[in-house]
């Protein structure tokens, strides 16, 4: 059972149809996180997203899987 809505969980490998709809403004706000504080996008030397910029990895996640922005991990 889904704890949030009390519905049974669906088998993702077995379905007959799918329904697509638009998200409401409230749903979009609930999904969002982070804040853009600088107008910069990508550093032209490193080609990495600028910190606190439009494509910041804090907001959108790392650009490479399993790799930290600093390159250590």
PDB file of N, CA and C in Angstrom:
ATOM      1  N   UNK A   1       0.826  -1.196   0.000  1.00  0.00           N
ATOM      2  CA  UNK A   1       0.000   0.000   0.000  1.00  0.00           C
ATOM      3  C   UNK A   1       0.864   1.251   0.000  1.00  0.00           C
ATOM      4  N   UNK A   2       0.457   2.236  -0.746  1.00  0.00           N
ATOM      5  CA  UNK A   2       1.114   3.529  -0.768  1.00  0.00           C
ATOM      6  C   UNK A   2       0.723   4.267   0.504  1.00  0.00           C
ATOM      7  N   UNK A   3       1.688   4.657   1.301  1.00  0.00           N
ATOM      8  CA  UNK A   3       1.394   5.277   2.588  1.00  0.00           C
ATOM      9  C   UNK A   3       0.774   6.658   2.444  1.00  0.00           C
ATOM     10  N   UNK A   4       1.128   7.385   1.400  1.00  0.00           N
ATOM     11  CA  UNK A   4       0.618   8.744   1.235  1.00  0.00           C
ATOM     12  C   UNK A   4      -0.868   8.769   0.889  1.00  0.00           C
ATOM     13  N   UNK A   5      -1.262   7.944  -0.058  1.00  0.00           N
ATOM     14  CA  UNK A   5      -2.630   8.035  -0.569  1.00  0.00           C
ATOM     15  C   UNK A   5      -3.474   6.803  -0.284  1.00  0.00           C
ATOM     16  N   UNK A   6      -2.913   5.785   0.342  1.00  0.00           N
ATOM     17  CA  UNK A   6      -3.677   4.599   0.685  1.00  0.00           C
ATOM     18  C   UNK A   6      -4.042   3.726  -0.495  1.00  0.00           C
ATOM     19  N   UNK A   7      -3.304   3.845  -1.610  1.00  0.00           N
ATOM     20  CA  UNK A   7      -3.579   3.033  -2.795  1.00  0.00           C
ATOM     21  C   UNK A   7      -2.572   1.898  -2.876  1.00  0.00           C
ATOM     22  N   UNK A   8      -2.943   0.779  -3.499  1.00  0.00           N
ATOM     23  CA  UNK A   8      -1.970  -0.309  -3.673  1.00  0.00           C
ATOM     24  C   UNK A   8      -0.874   0.110  -4.648  1.00  0.00           C
ATOM     25  N   UNK A   9       0.345  -0.355  -4.403  1.00  0.00           N
ATOM     26  CA  UNK A   9       1.455  -0.056  -5.302  1.00  0.00           C
ATOM     27  C   UNK A   9       1.243  -0.767  -6.633  1.00  0.00           C
ATOM     28  N   UNK A  10       1.663  -0.139  -7.714  1.00  0.00           N
ATOM     29  CA  UNK A  10       1.465  -0.682  -9.052  1.00  0.00           C
ATOM     30  C   UNK A  10       2.678  -1.478  -9.497  1.00  0.00           C
ATOM     31  N   UNK A  11       2.434  -2.501 -10.304  1.00  0.00           N
ATOM     32  CA  UNK A  11       3.512  -3.277 -10.910  1.00  0.00           C
ATOM     33  C   UNK A  11       3.987  -2.500 -12.133  1.00  0.00           C
ATOM     34  N   UNK A  12       5.216  -1.971 -12.087  1.00  0.00           N
ATOM     35  CA  UNK A  12       5.703  -1.113 -13.167  1.00  0.00           C
ATOM     36  C   UNK A  12       5.996  -1.869 -14.452  1.00  0.00           C
ATOM     37  N   UNK A  13       6.068  -3.179 -14.412  1.00  0.00           N
ATOM     38  CA  UNK A  13       6.348  -3.963 -15.610  1.00  0.00           C
ATOM     39  C   UNK A  13       5.087  -4.437 -16.317  1.00  0.00           C
ATOM     40  N   UNK A  14       3.938  -4.236 -15.716  1.00  0.00           N
ATOM     41  CA  UNK A  14       2.687  -4.730 -16.280  1.00  0.00           C
ATOM     42  C   UNK A  14       1.643  -3.613 -16.212  1.00  0.00           C
ATOM     43  N   UNK A  15       1.367  -2.971 -17.360  1.00  0.00           N
ATOM     44  CA  UNK A  15       0.350  -1.932 -17.392  1.00  0.00           C
ATOM     45  C   UNK A  15      -0.323  -1.903 -18.758  1.00  0.00           C
ATOM     46  N   UNK A  16      -1.534  -1.372 -18.795  1.00  0.00           N
ATOM     47  CA  UNK A  16      -2.319  -1.312 -20.026  1.00  0.00           C
ATOM     48  C   UNK A  16      -2.317   0.073 -20.666  1.00  0.00           C
ATOM     49  N   UNK A  17      -2.204   1.096 -19.854  1.00  0.00           N
ATOM     50  CA  UNK A  17      -2.251   2.460 -20.383  1.00  0.00           C
ATOM     51  C   UNK A  17      -1.491   3.397 -19.444  1.00  0.00           C
ATOM     52  N   UNK A  18      -1.266   4.607 -19.960  1.00  0.00           N
ATOM     53  CA  UNK A  18      -0.587   5.634 -19.184  1.00  0.00           C
ATOM     54  C   UNK A  18      -1.318   6.950 -19.409  1.00  0.00           C
ATOM     55  N   UNK A  19      -1.402   7.764 -18.373  1.00  0.00           N
ATOM     56  CA  UNK A  19      -2.067   9.062 -18.479  1.00  0.00           C
ATOM     57  C   UNK A  19      -1.049  10.160 -18.173  1.00  0.00           C
ATOM     58  N   UNK A  20      -0.999  11.148 -19.040  1.00  0.00           N
ATOM     59  CA  UNK A  20      -0.076  12.264 -18.876  1.00  0.00           C
ATOM     60  C   UNK A  20      -0.894  13.533 -18.683  1.00  0.00           C
ATOM     61  N   UNK A  21      -0.496  14.341 -17.736  1.00  0.00           N
ATOM     62  CA  UNK A  21      -1.194  15.595 -17.491  1.00  0.00           C
ATOM     63  C   UNK A  21      -0.213  16.686 -17.103  1.00  0.00           C
ATOM     64  N   UNK A  22      -0.699  17.905 -17.070  1.00  0.00           N
ATOM     65  CA  UNK A  22       0.127  19.040 -16.686  1.00  0.00           C
ATOM     66  C   UNK A  22       0.224  19.127 -15.166  1.00  0.00           C
ATOM     67  N   UNK A  23       1.371  19.534 -14.684  1.00  0.00           N
ATOM     68  CA  UNK A  23       1.564  19.727 -13.249  1.00  0.00           C
ATOM     69  C   UNK A  23       1.001  21.083 -12.846  1.00  0.00           C
ATOM     70  N   UNK A  24       0.414  21.134 -11.675  1.00  0.00           N
ATOM     71  CA  UNK A  24      -0.118  22.397 -11.168  1.00  0.00           C
ATOM     72  C   UNK A  24       1.030  23.244 -10.614  1.00  0.00           C
ATOM     73  N   UNK A  25       0.832  24.545 -10.471  1.00  0.00           N
ATOM     74  CA  UNK A  25       1.878  25.389  -9.881  1.00  0.00           C
ATOM     75  C   UNK A  25       2.294  24.917  -8.482  1.00  0.00           C
ATOM     76  N   UNK A  26       1.346  24.400  -7.713  1.00  0.00           N
ATOM     77  CA  UNK A  26       1.660  23.900  -6.372  1.00  0.00           C
ATOM     78  C   UNK A  26       2.571  22.678  -6.441  1.00  0.00           C
ATOM     79  N   UNK A  27       2.317  21.776  -7.391  1.00  0.00           N
ATOM     80  CA  UNK A  27       3.171  20.596  -7.552  1.00  0.00           C
ATOM     81  C   UNK A  27       4.582  21.001  -7.964  1.00  0.00           C
ATOM     82  N   UNK A  28       4.695  21.951  -8.867  1.00  0.00           N
ATOM     83  CA  UNK A  28       6.009  22.409  -9.324  1.00  0.00           C
ATOM     84  C   UNK A  28       6.781  23.026  -8.169  1.00  0.00           C
ATOM     85  N   UNK A  29       6.133  23.831  -7.348  1.00  0.00           N
ATOM     86  CA  UNK A  29       6.808  24.421  -6.187  1.00  0.00           C
ATOM     87  C   UNK A  29       7.245  23.355  -5.193  1.00  0.00           C
ATOM     88  N   UNK A  30       6.452  22.304  -5.043  1.00  0.00           N
ATOM     89  CA  UNK A  30       6.816  21.218  -4.125  1.00  0.00           C
ATOM     90  C   UNK A  30       8.035  20.452  -4.637  1.00  0.00           C
ATOM     91  N   UNK A  31       8.197  20.329  -5.943  1.00  0.00           N
ATOM     92  CA  UNK A  31       9.329  19.604  -6.530  1.00  0.00           C
ATOM     93  C   UNK A  31      10.605  20.437  -6.518  1.00  0.00           C
ATOM     94  N   UNK A  32      10.468  21.761  -6.502  1.00  0.00           N
ATOM     95  CA  UNK A  32      11.631  22.630  -6.673  1.00  0.00           C
ATOM     96  C   UNK A  32      12.464  22.712  -5.404  1.00  0.00           C
ATOM     97  N   UNK A  33      13.752  22.966  -5.609  1.00  0.00           N
ATOM     98  CA  UNK A  33      14.661  23.204  -4.485  1.00  0.00           C
ATOM     99  C   UNK A  33      15.829  24.024  -5.001  1.00  0.00           C
ATOM    100  N   UNK A  34      16.458  24.782  -4.130  1.00  0.00           N
ATOM    101  CA  UNK A  34      17.600  25.588  -4.523  1.00  0.00           C
ATOM    102  C   UNK A  34      17.191  26.982  -4.958  1.00  0.00           C
ATOM    103  N   UNK A  35      18.202  27.821  -5.118  1.00  0.00           N
ATOM    104  CA  UNK A  35      17.962  29.201  -5.506  1.00  0.00           C
ATOM    105  C   UNK A  35      19.109  29.672  -6.392  1.00  0.00           C
ATOM    106  N   UNK A  36      18.776  30.302  -7.496  1.00  0.00           N
ATOM    107  CA  UNK A  36      19.786  30.871  -8.387  1.00  0.00           C
ATOM    108  C   UNK A  36      20.139  32.248  -7.836  1.00  0.00           C
ATOM    109  N   UNK A  37      21.418  32.448  -7.470  1.00  0.00           N
ATOM    110  CA  UNK A  37      21.845  33.712  -6.874  1.00  0.00           C
ATOM    111  C   UNK A  37      22.731  34.534  -7.805  1.00  0.00           C
ATOM    112  N   UNK A  38      23.266  33.919  -8.854  1.00  0.00           N
ATOM    113  CA  UNK A  38      24.141  34.618  -9.801  1.00  0.00           C
ATOM    114  C   UNK A  38      23.634  34.373 -11.225  1.00  0.00           C
ATOM    115  N   UNK A  39      23.821  35.330 -12.127  1.00  0.00           N
ATOM    116  CA  UNK A  39      23.346  35.143 -13.502  1.00  0.00           C
ATOM    117  C   UNK A  39      24.259  34.273 -14.367  1.00  0.00           C
ATOM    118  N   UNK A  40      25.439  33.916 -13.862  1.00  0.00           N
ATOM    119  CA  UNK A  40      26.377  33.126 -14.658  1.00  0.00           C
ATOM    120  C   UNK A  40      25.832  31.724 -14.921  1.00  0.00           C
ATOM    121  N   UNK A  41      26.289  31.117 -15.995  1.00  0.00           N
ATOM    122  CA  UNK A  41      25.838  29.767 -16.332  1.00  0.00           C
ATOM    123  C   UNK A  41      26.985  28.776 -16.245  1.00  0.00           C
ATOM    124  N   UNK A  42      27.921  28.830 -17.185  1.00  0.00           N
ATOM    125  CA  UNK A  42      29.020  27.862 -17.246  1.00  0.00           C
ATOM    126  C   UNK A  42      30.351  28.611 -17.318  1.00  0.00           C
ATOM    127  N   UNK A  43      31.342  28.129 -16.582  1.00  0.00           N
ATOM    128  CA  UNK A  43      32.681  28.710 -16.603  1.00  0.00           C
ATOM    129  C   UNK A  43      33.331  28.389 -17.946  1.00  0.00           C
ATOM    130  N   UNK A  44      33.773  29.406 -18.656  1.00  0.00           N
ATOM    131  CA  UNK A  44      34.330  29.182 -20.001  1.00  0.00           C
ATOM    132  C   UNK A  44      35.677  28.471 -19.979  1.00  0.00           C
ATOM    133  N   UNK A  45      36.392  28.506 -18.861  1.00  0.00           N
ATOM    134  CA  UNK A  45      37.689  27.821 -18.781  1.00  0.00           C
ATOM    135  C   UNK A  45      37.536  26.338 -18.465  1.00  0.00           C
ATOM    136  N   UNK A  46      36.701  26.050 -17.464  1.00  0.00           N
ATOM    137  CA  UNK A  46      36.559  24.660 -17.011  1.00  0.00           C
ATOM    138  C   UNK A  46      35.384  23.942 -17.652  1.00  0.00           C
ATOM    139  N   UNK A  47      34.470  24.701 -18.242  1.00  0.00           N
ATOM    140  CA  UNK A  47      33.225  24.170 -18.817  1.00  0.00           C
ATOM    141  C   UNK A  47      32.360  23.470 -17.775  1.00  0.00           C
ATOM    142  N   UNK A  48      32.506  23.888 -16.510  1.00  0.00           N
ATOM    143  CA  UNK A  48      31.671  23.370 -15.427  1.00  0.00           C
ATOM    144  C   UNK A  48      30.655  24.439 -15.038  1.00  0.00           C
ATOM    145  N   UNK A  49      29.514  24.028 -14.503  1.00  0.00           N
ATOM    146  CA  UNK A  49      28.517  25.011 -14.068  1.00  0.00           C
ATOM    147  C   UNK A  49      29.068  25.902 -12.958  1.00  0.00           C
ATOM    148  N   UNK A  50      28.719  27.183 -12.997  1.00  0.00           N
ATOM    149  CA  UNK A  50      29.134  28.122 -11.960  1.00  0.00           C
ATOM    150  C   UNK A  50      28.355  27.857 -10.679  1.00  0.00           C
ATOM    151  N   UNK A  51      29.030  27.958  -9.559  1.00  0.00           N
ATOM    152  CA  UNK A  51      28.380  27.757  -8.267  1.00  0.00           C
ATOM    153  C   UNK A  51      27.365  28.871  -8.033  1.00  0.00           C
ATOM    154  N   UNK A  52      26.175  28.498  -7.581  1.00  0.00           N
ATOM    155  CA  UNK A  52      25.040  29.391  -7.333  1.00  0.00           C
ATOM    156  C   UNK A  52      24.529  30.071  -8.602  1.00  0.00           C
ATOM    157  N   UNK A  53      24.930  29.560  -9.768  1.00  0.00           N
ATOM    158  CA  UNK A  53      24.464  30.106 -11.039  1.00  0.00           C
ATOM    159  C   UNK A  53      23.259  29.340 -11.560  1.00  0.00           C
ATOM    160  N   UNK A  54      22.920  29.610 -12.797  1.00  0.00           N
ATOM    161  CA  UNK A  54      21.721  29.028 -13.394  1.00  0.00           C
ATOM    162  C   UNK A  54      21.770  27.504 -13.487  1.00  0.00           C
ATOM    163  N   UNK A  55      22.957  26.932 -13.746  1.00  0.00           N
ATOM    164  CA  UNK A  55      23.085  25.478 -13.867  1.00  0.00           C
ATOM    165  C   UNK A  55      23.820  24.871 -12.678  1.00  0.00           C
ATOM    166  N   UNK A  56      23.727  25.482 -11.515  1.00  0.00           N
ATOM    167  CA  UNK A  56      24.443  25.049 -10.310  1.00  0.00           C
ATOM    168  C   UNK A  56      24.153  23.584  -9.979  1.00  0.00           C
ATOM    169  N   UNK A  57      25.210  22.856  -9.626  1.00  0.00           N
ATOM    170  CA  UNK A  57      25.057  21.441  -9.295  1.00  0.00           C
ATOM    171  C   UNK A  57      24.325  21.236  -7.970  1.00  0.00           C
ATOM    172  N   UNK A  58      24.282  22.238  -7.124  1.00  0.00           N
ATOM    173  CA  UNK A  58      23.498  22.140  -5.883  1.00  0.00           C
ATOM    174  C   UNK A  58      22.007  22.007  -6.206  1.00  0.00           C
ATOM    175  N   UNK A  59      21.592  22.692  -7.256  1.00  0.00           N
ATOM    176  CA  UNK A  59      20.181  22.693  -7.633  1.00  0.00           C
ATOM    177  C   UNK A  59      19.834  21.479  -8.488  1.00  0.00           C
ATOM    178  N   UNK A  60      20.639  21.204  -9.512  1.00  0.00           N
ATOM    179  CA  UNK A  60      20.301  20.182 -10.495  1.00  0.00           C
ATOM    180  C   UNK A  60      21.013  18.856 -10.309  1.00  0.00           C
ATOM    181  N   UNK A  61      21.943  18.782  -9.369  1.00  0.00           N
ATOM    182  CA  UNK A  61      22.686  17.544  -9.165  1.00  0.00           C
ATOM    183  C   UNK A  61      23.964  17.543  -9.985  1.00  0.00           C
ATOM    184  N   UNK A  62      24.823  16.558  -9.740  1.00  0.00           N
ATOM    185  CA  UNK A  62      26.126  16.527 -10.411  1.00  0.00           C
ATOM    186  C   UNK A  62      25.994  16.324 -11.918  1.00  0.00           C
ATOM    187  N   UNK A  63      26.962  16.871 -12.657  1.00  0.00           N
ATOM    188  CA  UNK A  63      26.949  16.728 -14.111  1.00  0.00           C
ATOM    189  C   UNK A  63      27.399  15.338 -14.531  1.00  0.00           C
ATOM    190  N   UNK A  64      28.213  14.686 -13.700  1.00  0.00           N
ATOM    191  CA  UNK A  64      28.664  13.319 -13.977  1.00  0.00           C
ATOM    192  C   UNK A  64      28.177  12.395 -12.871  1.00  0.00           C
ATOM    193  N   UNK A  65      27.715  11.220 -13.255  1.00  0.00           N
ATOM    194  CA  UNK A  65      27.248  10.247 -12.271  1.00  0.00           C
ATOM    195  C   UNK A  65      28.389   9.809 -11.376  1.00  0.00           C
ATOM    196  N   UNK A  66      28.087   9.655 -10.107  1.00  0.00           N
ATOM    197  CA  UNK A  66      29.023   9.144  -9.103  1.00  0.00           C
ATOM    198  C   UNK A  66      30.272  10.005  -8.971  1.00  0.00           C
ATOM    199  N   UNK A  67      30.190  11.282  -9.320  1.00  0.00           N
ATOM    200  CA  UNK A  67      31.349  12.162  -9.191  1.00  0.00           C
ATOM    201  C   UNK A  67      30.934  13.494  -8.576  1.00  0.00           C
ATOM    202  N   UNK A  68      31.649  13.885  -7.546  1.00  0.00           N
ATOM    203  CA  UNK A  68      31.402  15.140  -6.851  1.00  0.00           C
ATOM    204  C   UNK A  68      31.906  16.313  -7.691  1.00  0.00           C
ATOM    205  N   UNK A  69      31.359  17.501  -7.475  1.00  0.00           N
ATOM    206  CA  UNK A  69      31.785  18.697  -8.211  1.00  0.00           C
ATOM    207  C   UNK A  69      33.262  19.003  -7.980  1.00  0.00           C
ATOM    208  N   UNK A  70      33.744  18.760  -6.760  1.00  0.00           N
ATOM    209  CA  UNK A  70      35.145  19.067  -6.451  1.00  0.00           C
ATOM    210  C   UNK A  70      36.103  18.065  -7.088  1.00  0.00           C
ATOM    211  N   UNK A  71      35.619  16.907  -7.517  1.00  0.00           N
ATOM    212  CA  UNK A  71      36.457  15.908  -8.170  1.00  0.00           C
ATOM    213  C   UNK A  71      37.080  14.899  -7.224  1.00  0.00           C
ATOM    214  N   UNK A  72      36.892  15.065  -5.922  1.00  0.00           N
ATOM    215  CA  UNK A  72      37.480  14.140  -4.945  1.00  0.00           C
ATOM    216  C   UNK A  72      36.793  12.781  -4.945  1.00  0.00           C
ATOM    217  N   UNK A  73      35.472  12.783  -5.021  1.00  0.00           N
ATOM    218  CA  UNK A  73      34.721  11.542  -4.820  1.00  0.00           C
ATOM    219  C   UNK A  73      34.039  11.090  -6.084  1.00  0.00           C
TER     220      UNK A  73
END
